[in-house]
């Protein structure tokens, strides 16, 4: 069914080969214990993200400074903060610091 669906989209054998390659990659990832969902999201949303990033760069280049015009908006700053939090949350020193911070907060509530 997957081969028929891949071929039916563009009537191209190349699409069937791409489907087989990514199916093999997904099989190997599952065997090795990796999550397949991030790869699927990357494949599905990659072209959409690329098109919108190009649109954002072209709109921002109309201003004076490309970097300032792209990253000075509040929504951009919020998204950057979420990205940094998700990246640094996996470090061991951050995890232990957060545990200590929350354990101190729960100790204060018990003392009162």
PDB file of N, CA and C in Angstrom:
ATOM      1  N   UNK A   1       0.823  -1.195   0.000  1.00  0.00           N
ATOM      2  CA  UNK A   1       0.000   0.000   0.000  1.00  0.00           C
ATOM      3  C   UNK A   1       0.867   1.260   0.000  1.00  0.00           C
ATOM      4  N   UNK A   2       1.969   1.211   0.745  1.00  0.00           N
ATOM      5  CA  UNK A   2       2.852   2.379   0.785  1.00  0.00           C
ATOM      6  C   UNK A   2       3.502   2.619  -0.571  1.00  0.00           C
ATOM      7  N   UNK A   3       3.885   1.547  -1.252  1.00  0.00           N
ATOM      8  CA  UNK A   3       4.506   1.685  -2.566  1.00  0.00           C
ATOM      9  C   UNK A   3       3.506   2.275  -3.551  1.00  0.00           C
ATOM     10  N   UNK A   4       2.282   1.796  -3.519  1.00  0.00           N
ATOM     11  CA  UNK A   4       1.250   2.326  -4.420  1.00  0.00           C
ATOM     12  C   UNK A   4       0.988   3.799  -4.126  1.00  0.00           C
ATOM     13  N   UNK A   5       0.900   4.144  -2.840  1.00  0.00           N
ATOM     14  CA  UNK A   5       0.661   5.544  -2.467  1.00  0.00           C
ATOM     15  C   UNK A   5       1.809   6.458  -2.854  1.00  0.00           C
ATOM     16  N   UNK A   6       3.041   5.997  -2.652  1.00  0.00           N
ATOM     17  CA  UNK A   6       4.197   6.813  -3.015  1.00  0.00           C
ATOM     18  C   UNK A   6       4.287   6.999  -4.520  1.00  0.00           C
ATOM     19  N   UNK A   7       3.954   5.960  -5.279  1.00  0.00           N
ATOM     20  CA  UNK A   7       4.011   6.069  -6.730  1.00  0.00           C
ATOM     21  C   UNK A   7       2.858   6.916  -7.263  1.00  0.00           C
ATOM     22  N   UNK A   8       1.694   6.843  -6.633  1.00  0.00           N
ATOM     23  CA  UNK A   8       0.506   7.533  -7.126  1.00  0.00           C
ATOM     24  C   UNK A   8       0.604   9.050  -7.005  1.00  0.00           C
ATOM     25  N   UNK A   9       1.404   9.554  -6.087  1.00  0.00           N
ATOM     26  CA  UNK A   9       1.474  11.009  -5.889  1.00  0.00           C
ATOM     27  C   UNK A   9       2.033  11.704  -7.117  1.00  0.00           C
ATOM     28  N   UNK A  10       3.182  11.276  -7.617  1.00  0.00           N
ATOM     29  CA  UNK A  10       3.828  11.939  -8.759  1.00  0.00           C
ATOM     30  C   UNK A  10       4.096  10.988  -9.927  1.00  0.00           C
ATOM     31  N   UNK A  11       3.660   9.768  -9.855  1.00  0.00           N
ATOM     32  CA  UNK A  11       3.950   8.748 -10.861  1.00  0.00           C
ATOM     33  C   UNK A  11       5.451   8.647 -11.117  1.00  0.00           C
ATOM     34  N   UNK A  12       6.199   8.565 -10.019  1.00  0.00           N
ATOM     35  CA  UNK A  12       7.654   8.568 -10.110  1.00  0.00           C
ATOM     36  C   UNK A  12       8.226   7.431  -9.264  1.00  0.00           C
ATOM     37  N   UNK A  13       9.169   6.710  -9.855  1.00  0.00           N
ATOM     38  CA  UNK A  13       9.845   5.647  -9.134  1.00  0.00           C
ATOM     39  C   UNK A  13      10.780   6.242  -8.081  1.00  0.00           C
ATOM     40  N   UNK A  14      11.255   7.469  -8.325  1.00  0.00           N
ATOM     41  CA  UNK A  14      12.116   8.143  -7.359  1.00  0.00           C
ATOM     42  C   UNK A  14      11.417   8.291  -6.013  1.00  0.00           C
ATOM     43  N   UNK A  15      10.125   8.607  -6.018  1.00  0.00           N
ATOM     44  CA  UNK A  15       9.372   8.724  -4.762  1.00  0.00           C
ATOM     45  C   UNK A  15       9.299   7.393  -4.036  1.00  0.00           C
ATOM     46  N   UNK A  16       9.193   6.306  -4.790  1.00  0.00           N
ATOM     47  CA  UNK A  16       9.164   4.976  -4.172  1.00  0.00           C
ATOM     48  C   UNK A  16      10.523   4.671  -3.544  1.00  0.00           C
ATOM     49  N   UNK A  17      11.614   5.039  -4.212  1.00  0.00           N
ATOM     50  CA  UNK A  17      12.949   4.823  -3.648  1.00  0.00           C
ATOM     51  C   UNK A  17      13.150   5.645  -2.378  1.00  0.00           C
ATOM     52  N   UNK A  18      12.709   6.895  -2.384  1.00  0.00           N
ATOM     53  CA  UNK A  18      12.811   7.741  -1.187  1.00  0.00           C
ATOM     54  C   UNK A  18      12.005   7.134  -0.046  1.00  0.00           C
ATOM     55  N   UNK A  19      10.809   6.634  -0.365  1.00  0.00           N
ATOM     56  CA  UNK A  19       9.984   5.990   0.654  1.00  0.00           C
ATOM     57  C   UNK A  19      10.697   4.767   1.232  1.00  0.00           C
ATOM     58  N   UNK A  20      11.328   3.981   0.385  1.00  0.00           N
ATOM     59  CA  UNK A  20      12.031   2.786   0.850  1.00  0.00           C
ATOM     60  C   UNK A  20      13.242   3.152   1.703  1.00  0.00           C
ATOM     61  N   UNK A  21      13.975   4.177   1.300  1.00  0.00           N
ATOM     62  CA  UNK A  21      15.152   4.604   2.068  1.00  0.00           C
ATOM     63  C   UNK A  21      14.741   5.090   3.455  1.00  0.00           C
ATOM     64  N   UNK A  22      13.726   5.945   3.508  1.00  0.00           N
ATOM     65  CA  UNK A  22      13.301   6.448   4.816  1.00  0.00           C
ATOM     66  C   UNK A  22      12.621   5.367   5.647  1.00  0.00           C
ATOM     67  N   UNK A  23      11.989   4.392   5.003  1.00  0.00           N
ATOM     68  CA  UNK A  23      11.449   3.252   5.734  1.00  0.00           C
ATOM     69  C   UNK A  23      12.550   2.431   6.373  1.00  0.00           C
ATOM     70  N   UNK A  24      13.639   2.234   5.634  1.00  0.00           N
ATOM     71  CA  UNK A  24      14.793   1.521   6.169  1.00  0.00           C
ATOM     72  C   UNK A  24      15.439   2.284   7.319  1.00  0.00           C
ATOM     73  N   UNK A  25      15.567   3.595   7.157  1.00  0.00           N
ATOM     74  CA  UNK A  25      16.127   4.422   8.233  1.00  0.00           C
ATOM     75  C   UNK A  25      15.248   4.344   9.482  1.00  0.00           C
ATOM     76  N   UNK A  26      13.925   4.404   9.292  1.00  0.00           N
ATOM     77  CA  UNK A  26      13.005   4.285  10.419  1.00  0.00           C
ATOM     78  C   UNK A  26      13.090   2.930  11.100  1.00  0.00           C
ATOM     79  N   UNK A  27      13.252   1.866  10.308  1.00  0.00           N
ATOM     80  CA  UNK A  27      13.399   0.518  10.861  1.00  0.00           C
ATOM     81  C   UNK A  27      14.656   0.414  11.716  1.00  0.00           C
ATOM     82  N   UNK A  28      15.772   0.948  11.199  1.00  0.00           N
ATOM     83  CA  UNK A  28      17.036   0.906  11.942  1.00  0.00           C
ATOM     84  C   UNK A  28      16.927   1.751  13.217  1.00  0.00           C
ATOM     85  N   UNK A  29      16.284   2.906  13.105  1.00  0.00           N
ATOM     86  CA  UNK A  29      16.126   3.754  14.292  1.00  0.00           C
ATOM     87  C   UNK A  29      15.317   3.045  15.369  1.00  0.00           C
ATOM     88  N   UNK A  30      14.268   2.349  14.963  1.00  0.00           N
ATOM     89  CA  UNK A  30      13.457   1.616  15.948  1.00  0.00           C
ATOM     90  C   UNK A  30      14.236   0.483  16.590  1.00  0.00           C
ATOM     91  N   UNK A  31      15.030  -0.221  15.792  1.00  0.00           N
ATOM     92  CA  UNK A  31      15.834  -1.327  16.327  1.00  0.00           C
ATOM     93  C   UNK A  31      16.874  -0.841  17.320  1.00  0.00           C
ATOM     94  N   UNK A  32      17.419   0.344  17.075  1.00  0.00           N
ATOM     95  CA  UNK A  32      18.444   0.916  17.955  1.00  0.00           C
ATOM     96  C   UNK A  32      17.849   1.672  19.143  1.00  0.00           C
ATOM     97  N   UNK A  33      16.531   1.813  19.198  1.00  0.00           N
ATOM     98  CA  UNK A  33      15.890   2.443  20.339  1.00  0.00           C
ATOM     99  C   UNK A  33      15.689   3.948  20.217  1.00  0.00           C
ATOM    100  N   UNK A  34      15.878   4.497  19.023  1.00  0.00           N
ATOM    101  CA  UNK A  34      15.644   5.932  18.822  1.00  0.00           C
ATOM    102  C   UNK A  34      14.173   6.188  18.543  1.00  0.00           C
ATOM    103  N   UNK A  35      13.732   7.383  18.885  1.00  0.00           N
ATOM    104  CA  UNK A  35      12.360   7.768  18.604  1.00  0.00           C
ATOM    105  C   UNK A  35      12.228   8.153  17.133  1.00  0.00           C
ATOM    106  N   UNK A  36      11.215   7.654  16.479  1.00  0.00           N
ATOM    107  CA  UNK A  36      11.006   7.909  15.060  1.00  0.00           C
ATOM    108  C   UNK A  36      10.222   9.200  14.842  1.00  0.00           C
ATOM    109  N   UNK A  37       9.467   9.645  15.834  1.00  0.00           N
ATOM    110  CA  UNK A  37       8.596  10.806  15.686  1.00  0.00           C
ATOM    111  C   UNK A  37       9.345  12.082  15.287  1.00  0.00           C
ATOM    112  N   UNK A  38      10.507  12.408  15.868  1.00  0.00           N
ATOM    113  CA  UNK A  38      11.197  13.618  15.417  1.00  0.00           C
ATOM    114  C   UNK A  38      11.609  13.577  13.951  1.00  0.00           C
ATOM    115  N   UNK A  39      11.987  12.403  13.459  1.00  0.00           N
ATOM    116  CA  UNK A  39      12.346  12.298  12.049  1.00  0.00           C
ATOM    117  C   UNK A  39      11.123  12.508  11.167  1.00  0.00           C
ATOM    118  N   UNK A  40       9.996  11.939  11.550  1.00  0.00           N
ATOM    119  CA  UNK A  40       8.775  12.114  10.770  1.00  0.00           C
ATOM    120  C   UNK A  40       8.362  13.583  10.762  1.00  0.00           C
ATOM    121  N   UNK A  41       8.439  14.242  11.906  1.00  0.00           N
ATOM    122  CA  UNK A  41       8.120  15.670  11.958  1.00  0.00           C
ATOM    123  C   UNK A  41       9.062  16.490  11.087  1.00  0.00           C
ATOM    124  N   UNK A  42      10.331  16.135  11.100  1.00  0.00           N
ATOM    125  CA  UNK A  42      11.295  16.850  10.270  1.00  0.00           C
ATOM    126  C   UNK A  42      11.016  16.683   8.788  1.00  0.00           C
ATOM    127  N   UNK A  43      10.634  15.478   8.383  1.00  0.00           N
ATOM    128  CA  UNK A  43      10.334  15.233   6.974  1.00  0.00           C
ATOM    129  C   UNK A  43       9.067  15.967   6.559  1.00  0.00           C
ATOM    130  N   UNK A  44       8.043  15.906   7.394  1.00  0.00           N
ATOM    131  CA  UNK A  44       6.764  16.506   7.037  1.00  0.00           C
ATOM    132  C   UNK A  44       6.820  18.027   7.103  1.00  0.00           C
ATOM    133  N   UNK A  45       7.415  18.567   8.161  1.00  0.00           N
ATOM    134  CA  UNK A  45       7.396  20.014   8.359  1.00  0.00           C
ATOM    135  C   UNK A  45       8.614  20.741   7.802  1.00  0.00           C
ATOM    136  N   UNK A  46       9.614  20.014   7.326  1.00  0.00           N
ATOM    137  CA  UNK A  46      10.841  20.640   6.856  1.00  0.00           C
ATOM    138  C   UNK A  46      10.631  21.619   5.716  1.00  0.00           C
ATOM    139  N   UNK A  47       9.896  21.218   4.691  1.00  0.00           N
ATOM    140  CA  UNK A  47       9.687  22.115   3.549  1.00  0.00           C
ATOM    141  C   UNK A  47       8.829  23.312   3.925  1.00  0.00           C
ATOM    142  N   UNK A  48       7.854  23.093   4.795  1.00  0.00           N
ATOM    143  CA  UNK A  48       7.012  24.197   5.248  1.00  0.00           C
ATOM    144  C   UNK A  48       7.816  25.204   6.062  1.00  0.00           C
ATOM    145  N   UNK A  49       8.690  24.700   6.946  1.00  0.00           N
ATOM    146  CA  UNK A  49       9.537  25.594   7.734  1.00  0.00           C
ATOM    147  C   UNK A  49      10.519  26.343   6.851  1.00  0.00           C
ATOM    148  N   UNK A  50      11.068  25.681   5.848  1.00  0.00           N
ATOM    149  CA  UNK A  50      12.016  26.325   4.951  1.00  0.00           C
ATOM    150  C   UNK A  50      11.347  27.458   4.176  1.00  0.00           C
ATOM    151  N   UNK A  51      10.157  27.213   3.654  1.00  0.00           N
ATOM    152  CA  UNK A  51       9.445  28.248   2.898  1.00  0.00           C
ATOM    153  C   UNK A  51       9.116  29.444   3.775  1.00  0.00           C
ATOM    154  N   UNK A  52       8.656  29.192   4.999  1.00  0.00           N
ATOM    155  CA  UNK A  52       8.314  30.307   5.886  1.00  0.00           C
ATOM    156  C   UNK A  52       9.554  31.032   6.395  1.00  0.00           C
ATOM    157  N   UNK A  53      10.662  30.318   6.568  1.00  0.00           N
ATOM    158  CA  UNK A  53      11.899  30.987   6.960  1.00  0.00           C
ATOM    159  C   UNK A  53      12.391  31.897   5.850  1.00  0.00           C
ATOM    160  N   UNK A  54      12.302  31.433   4.611  1.00  0.00           N
ATOM    161  CA  UNK A  54      12.684  32.278   3.475  1.00  0.00           C
ATOM    162  C   UNK A  54      11.799  33.513   3.395  1.00  0.00           C
ATOM    163  N   UNK A  55      10.507  33.344   3.653  1.00  0.00           N
ATOM    164  CA  UNK A  55       9.577  34.478   3.650  1.00  0.00           C
ATOM    165  C   UNK A  55       9.942  35.470   4.758  1.00  0.00           C
ATOM    166  N   UNK A  56      10.271  34.964   5.930  1.00  0.00           N
ATOM    167  CA  UNK A  56      10.628  35.839   7.047  1.00  0.00           C
ATOM    168  C   UNK A  56      11.911  36.603   6.765  1.00  0.00           C
ATOM    169  N   UNK A  57      12.890  35.942   6.154  1.00  0.00           N
ATOM    170  CA  UNK A  57      14.146  36.621   5.826  1.00  0.00           C
ATOM    171  C   UNK A  57      13.910  37.691   4.780  1.00  0.00           C
ATOM    172  N   UNK A  58      13.081  37.398   3.788  1.00  0.00           N
ATOM    173  CA  UNK A  58      12.828  38.407   2.753  1.00  0.00           C
ATOM    174  C   UNK A  58      12.052  39.598   3.314  1.00  0.00           C
ATOM    175  N   UNK A  59      11.136  39.357   4.249  1.00  0.00           N
ATOM    176  CA  UNK A  59      10.415  40.470   4.871  1.00  0.00           C
ATOM    177  C   UNK A  59      11.317  41.267   5.799  1.00  0.00           C
ATOM    178  N   UNK A  60      12.203  40.574   6.503  1.00  0.00           N
ATOM    179  CA  UNK A  60      13.087  41.261   7.441  1.00  0.00           C
ATOM    180  C   UNK A  60      14.194  42.015   6.727  1.00  0.00           C
ATOM    181  N   UNK A  61      14.574  41.567   5.535  1.00  0.00           N
ATOM    182  CA  UNK A  61      15.650  42.249   4.826  1.00  0.00           C
ATOM    183  C   UNK A  61      15.218  43.601   4.293  1.00  0.00           C
ATOM    184  N   UNK A  62      13.925  43.883   4.312  1.00  0.00           N
ATOM    185  CA  UNK A  62      13.452  45.199   3.885  1.00  0.00           C
ATOM    186  C   UNK A  62      13.843  46.273   4.895  1.00  0.00           C
ATOM    187  N   UNK A  63      14.088  45.888   6.146  1.00  0.00           N
ATOM    188  CA  UNK A  63      14.494  46.829   7.192  1.00  0.00           C
ATOM    189  C   UNK A  63      15.972  47.127   7.135  1.00  0.00           C
ATOM    190  N   UNK A  64      16.441  47.870   8.132  1.00  0.00           N
ATOM    191  CA  UNK A  64      17.839  48.270   8.170  1.00  0.00           C
ATOM    192  C   UNK A  64      18.763  47.102   8.520  1.00  0.00           C
ATOM    193  N   UNK A  65      18.471  46.428   9.625  1.00  0.00           N
ATOM    194  CA  UNK A  65      19.343  45.360  10.096  1.00  0.00           C
ATOM    195  C   UNK A  65      18.542  44.056  10.143  1.00  0.00           C
ATOM    196  N   UNK A  66      19.027  43.042   9.455  1.00  0.00           N
ATOM    197  CA  UNK A  66      18.310  41.772   9.345  1.00  0.00           C
ATOM    198  C   UNK A  66      18.152  41.087  10.701  1.00  0.00           C
ATOM    199  N   UNK A  67      19.220  41.032  11.481  1.00  0.00           N
ATOM    200  CA  UNK A  67      19.189  40.316  12.769  1.00  0.00           C
ATOM    201  C   UNK A  67      18.258  41.010  13.748  1.00  0.00           C
ATOM    202  N   UNK A  68      18.376  42.319  13.856  1.00  0.00           N
ATOM    203  CA  UNK A  68      17.540  43.052  14.807  1.00  0.00           C
ATOM    204  C   UNK A  68      16.072  42.974  14.418  1.00  0.00           C
ATOM    205  N   UNK A  69      15.768  43.075  13.145  1.00  0.00           N
ATOM    206  CA  UNK A  69      14.367  43.040  12.734  1.00  0.00           C
ATOM    207  C   UNK A  69      13.754  41.652  12.891  1.00  0.00           C
ATOM    208  N   UNK A  70      14.576  40.589  12.821  1.00  0.00           N
ATOM    209  CA  UNK A  70      14.022  39.241  12.984  1.00  0.00           C
ATOM    210  C   UNK A  70      13.871  38.838  14.441  1.00  0.00           C
ATOM    211  N   UNK A  71      14.774  39.288  15.301  1.00  0.00           N
ATOM    212  CA  UNK A  71      14.781  38.790  16.673  1.00  0.00           C
ATOM    213  C   UNK A  71      14.385  39.827  17.714  1.00  0.00           C
ATOM    214  N   UNK A  72      13.826  40.943  17.306  1.00  0.00           N
ATOM    215  CA  UNK A  72      13.425  41.949  18.286  1.00  0.00           C
ATOM    216  C   UNK A  72      11.935  41.898  18.597  1.00  0.00           C
ATOM    217  N   UNK A  73      11.194  41.092  17.922  1.00  0.00           N
ATOM    218  CA  UNK A  73       9.758  40.960  18.178  1.00  0.00           C
ATOM    219  C   UNK A  73       9.535  40.110  19.429  1.00  0.00           C
ATOM    220  N   UNK A  74       8.471  40.390  20.176  1.00  0.00           N
ATOM    221  CA  UNK A  74       8.209  39.618  21.415  1.00  0.00           C
ATOM    222  C   UNK A  74       8.010  38.123  21.169  1.00  0.00           C
ATOM    223  N   UNK A  75       7.310  37.751  20.104  1.00  0.00           N
ATOM    224  CA  UNK A  75       7.082  36.328  19.859  1.00  0.00           C
ATOM    225  C   UNK A  75       8.395  35.622  19.532  1.00  0.00           C
ATOM    226  N   UNK A  76       9.305  36.308  18.840  1.00  0.00           N
ATOM    227  CA  UNK A  76      10.611  35.719  18.550  1.00  0.00           C
ATOM    228  C   UNK A  76      11.396  35.495  19.822  1.00  0.00           C
ATOM    229  N   UNK A  77      11.356  36.454  20.724  1.00  0.00           N
ATOM    230  CA  UNK A  77      12.078  36.319  21.991  1.00  0.00           C
ATOM    231  C   UNK A  77      11.506  35.187  22.840  1.00  0.00           C
ATOM    232  N   UNK A  78      10.188  35.046  22.829  1.00  0.00           N
ATOM    233  CA  UNK A  78       9.550  33.963  23.587  1.00  0.00           C
ATOM    234  C   UNK A  78       9.950  32.604  23.009  1.00  0.00           C
ATOM    235  N   UNK A  79       9.939  32.479  21.688  1.00  0.00           N
ATOM    236  CA  UNK A  79      10.327  31.216  21.057  1.00  0.00           C
ATOM    237  C   UNK A  79      11.793  30.899  21.300  1.00  0.00           C
ATOM    238  N   UNK A  80      12.661  31.913  21.265  1.00  0.00           N
ATOM    239  CA  UNK A  80      14.081  31.700  21.559  1.00  0.00           C
ATOM    240  C   UNK A  80      14.258  31.239  22.996  1.00  0.00           C
ATOM    241  N   UNK A  81      13.497  31.826  23.916  1.00  0.00           N
ATOM    242  CA  UNK A  81      13.577  31.407  25.323  1.00  0.00           C
ATOM    243  C   UNK A  81      13.157  29.947  25.481  1.00  0.00           C
ATOM    244  N   UNK A  82      12.071  29.539  24.811  1.00  0.00           N
ATOM    245  CA  UNK A  82      11.630  28.143  24.877  1.00  0.00           C
ATOM    246  C   UNK A  82      12.668  27.200  24.285  1.00  0.00           C
ATOM    247  N   UNK A  83      13.295  27.610  23.189  1.00  0.00           N
ATOM    248  CA  UNK A  83      14.330  26.775  22.575  1.00  0.00           C
ATOM    249  C   UNK A  83      15.507  26.605  23.520  1.00  0.00           C
ATOM    250  N   UNK A  84      15.948  27.699  24.141  1.00  0.00           N
ATOM    251  CA  UNK A  84      17.083  27.613  25.068  1.00  0.00           C
ATOM    252  C   UNK A  84      16.745  26.773  26.291  1.00  0.00           C
ATOM    253  N   UNK A  85      15.527  26.916  26.801  1.00  0.00           N
ATOM    254  CA  UNK A  85      15.107  26.111  27.952  1.00  0.00           C
ATOM    255  C   UNK A  85      15.109  24.628  27.586  1.00  0.00           C
ATOM    256  N   UNK A  86      14.575  24.297  26.416  1.00  0.00           N
ATOM    257  CA  UNK A  86      14.534  22.882  26.035  1.00  0.00           C
ATOM    258  C   UNK A  86      15.927  22.323  25.758  1.00  0.00           C
ATOM    259  N   UNK A  87      16.840  23.145  25.252  1.00  0.00           N
ATOM    260  CA  UNK A  87      18.202  22.676  25.012  1.00  0.00           C
ATOM    261  C   UNK A  87      18.973  22.475  26.312  1.00  0.00           C
ATOM    262  N   UNK A  88      18.880  23.438  27.215  1.00  0.00           N
ATOM    263  CA  UNK A  88      19.672  23.371  28.442  1.00  0.00           C
ATOM    264  C   UNK A  88      19.038  22.518  29.531  1.00  0.00           C
ATOM    265  N   UNK A  89      17.774  22.137  29.370  1.00  0.00           N
ATOM    266  CA  UNK A  89      17.116  21.343  30.411  1.00  0.00           C
ATOM    267  C   UNK A  89      17.666  19.926  30.502  1.00  0.00           C
ATOM    268  N   UNK A  90      18.395  19.490  29.511  1.00  0.00           N
ATOM    269  CA  UNK A  90      18.954  18.135  29.545  1.00  0.00           C
ATOM    270  C   UNK A  90      20.317  18.056  30.204  1.00  0.00           C
ATOM    271  N   UNK A  91      20.913  19.191  30.537  1.00  0.00           N
ATOM    272  CA  UNK A  91      22.207  19.171  31.207  1.00  0.00           C
ATOM    273  C   UNK A  91      22.028  18.790  32.670  1.00  0.00           C
ATOM    274  N   UNK A  92      22.979  18.019  33.191  1.00  0.00           N
ATOM    275  CA  UNK A  92      22.860  17.487  34.544  1.00  0.00           C
ATOM    276  C   UNK A  92      22.869  18.598  35.590  1.00  0.00           C
ATOM    277  N   UNK A  93      23.730  19.621  35.414  1.00  0.00           N
ATOM    278  CA  UNK A  93      23.794  20.682  36.420  1.00  0.00           C
ATOM    279  C   UNK A  93      22.506  21.500  36.460  1.00  0.00           C
ATOM    280  N   UNK A  94      21.799  21.589  35.345  1.00  0.00           N
ATOM    281  CA  UNK A  94      20.521  22.309  35.341  1.00  0.00           C
ATOM    282  C   UNK A  94      19.465  21.481  36.060  1.00  0.00           C
ATOM    283  N   UNK A  95      19.456  20.180  35.811  1.00  0.00           N
ATOM    284  CA  UNK A  95      18.475  19.314  36.472  1.00  0.00           C
ATOM    285  C   UNK A  95      18.658  19.326  37.986  1.00  0.00           C
ATOM    286  N   UNK A  96      19.909  19.244  38.453  1.00  0.00           N
ATOM    287  CA  UNK A  96      20.143  19.244  39.899  1.00  0.00           C
ATOM    288  C   UNK A  96      19.808  20.608  40.498  1.00  0.00           C
ATOM    289  N   UNK A  97      20.086  21.681  39.783  1.00  0.00           N
ATOM    290  CA  UNK A  97      19.746  23.015  40.282  1.00  0.00           C
ATOM    291  C   UNK A  97      18.244  23.208  40.401  1.00  0.00           C
ATOM    292  N   UNK A  98      17.494  22.714  39.431  1.00  0.00           N
ATOM    293  CA  UNK A  98      16.036  22.822  39.486  1.00  0.00           C
ATOM    294  C   UNK A  98      15.487  21.982  40.618  1.00  0.00           C
ATOM    295  N   UNK A  99      16.038  20.783  40.820  1.00  0.00           N
ATOM    296  CA  UNK A  99      15.583  19.941  41.932  1.00  0.00           C
ATOM    297  C   UNK A  99      15.832  20.614  43.274  1.00  0.00           C
ATOM    298  N   UNK A 100      17.025  21.220  43.423  1.00  0.00           N
ATOM    299  CA  UNK A 100      17.338  21.913  44.677  1.00  0.00           C
ATOM    300  C   UNK A 100      16.410  23.104  44.882  1.00  0.00           C
ATOM    301  N   UNK A 101      16.123  23.833  43.809  1.00  0.00           N
ATOM    302  CA  UNK A 101      15.251  24.996  43.903  1.00  0.00           C
ATOM    303  C   UNK A 101      13.852  24.599  44.340  1.00  0.00           C
ATOM    304  N   UNK A 102      13.310  23.532  43.739  1.00  0.00           N
ATOM    305  CA  UNK A 102      11.961  23.102  44.100  1.00  0.00           C
ATOM    306  C   UNK A 102      11.922  22.399  45.439  1.00  0.00           C
ATOM    307  N   UNK A 103      13.000  21.742  45.837  1.00  0.00           N
ATOM    308  CA  UNK A 103      12.997  21.093  47.147  1.00  0.00           C
ATOM    309  C   UNK A 103      13.068  22.136  48.249  1.00  0.00           C
ATOM    310  N   UNK A 104      13.774  23.259  48.012  1.00  0.00           N
ATOM    311  CA  UNK A 104      13.804  24.351  48.990  1.00  0.00           C
ATOM    312  C   UNK A 104      12.429  24.981  49.131  1.00  0.00           C
ATOM    313  N   UNK A 105      11.718  25.123  48.006  1.00  0.00           N
ATOM    314  CA  UNK A 105      10.377  25.709  48.050  1.00  0.00           C
ATOM    315  C   UNK A 105       9.399  24.839  48.806  1.00  0.00           C
ATOM    316  N   UNK A 106       9.519  23.515  48.667  1.00  0.00           N
ATOM    317  CA  UNK A 106       8.612  22.625  49.369  1.00  0.00           C
ATOM    318  C   UNK A 106       8.976  22.543  50.863  1.00  0.00           C
ATOM    319  N   UNK A 107      10.265  22.746  51.216  1.00  0.00           N
ATOM    320  CA  UNK A 107      10.666  22.748  52.610  1.00  0.00           C
ATOM    321  C   UNK A 107      10.103  23.967  53.328  1.00  0.00           C
ATOM    322  N   UNK A 108      10.070  25.101  52.686  1.00  0.00           N
ATOM    323  CA  UNK A 108       9.512  26.310  53.298  1.00  0.00           C
ATOM    324  C   UNK A 108       8.032  26.161  53.581  1.00  0.00           C
ATOM    325  N   UNK A 109       7.313  25.511  52.662  1.00  0.00           N
ATOM    326  CA  UNK A 109       5.883  25.308  52.863  1.00  0.00           C
ATOM    327  C   UNK A 109       5.607  24.394  54.032  1.00  0.00           C
ATOM    328  N   UNK A 110       6.487  23.417  54.321  1.00  0.00           N
ATOM    329  CA  UNK A 110       6.289  22.489  55.424  1.00  0.00           C
ATOM    330  C   UNK A 110       6.646  23.131  56.757  1.00  0.00           C
ATOM    331  N   UNK A 111       7.580  24.096  56.764  1.00  0.00           N
ATOM    332  CA  UNK A 111       7.976  24.739  58.009  1.00  0.00           C
ATOM    333  C   UNK A 111       6.897  25.651  58.559  1.00  0.00           C
ATOM    334  N   UNK A 112       6.135  26.256  57.666  1.00  0.00           N
ATOM    335  CA  UNK A 112       5.105  27.211  58.098  1.00  0.00           C
ATOM    336  C   UNK A 112       3.909  26.501  58.534  1.00  0.00           C
TER     337      UNK A 112
END
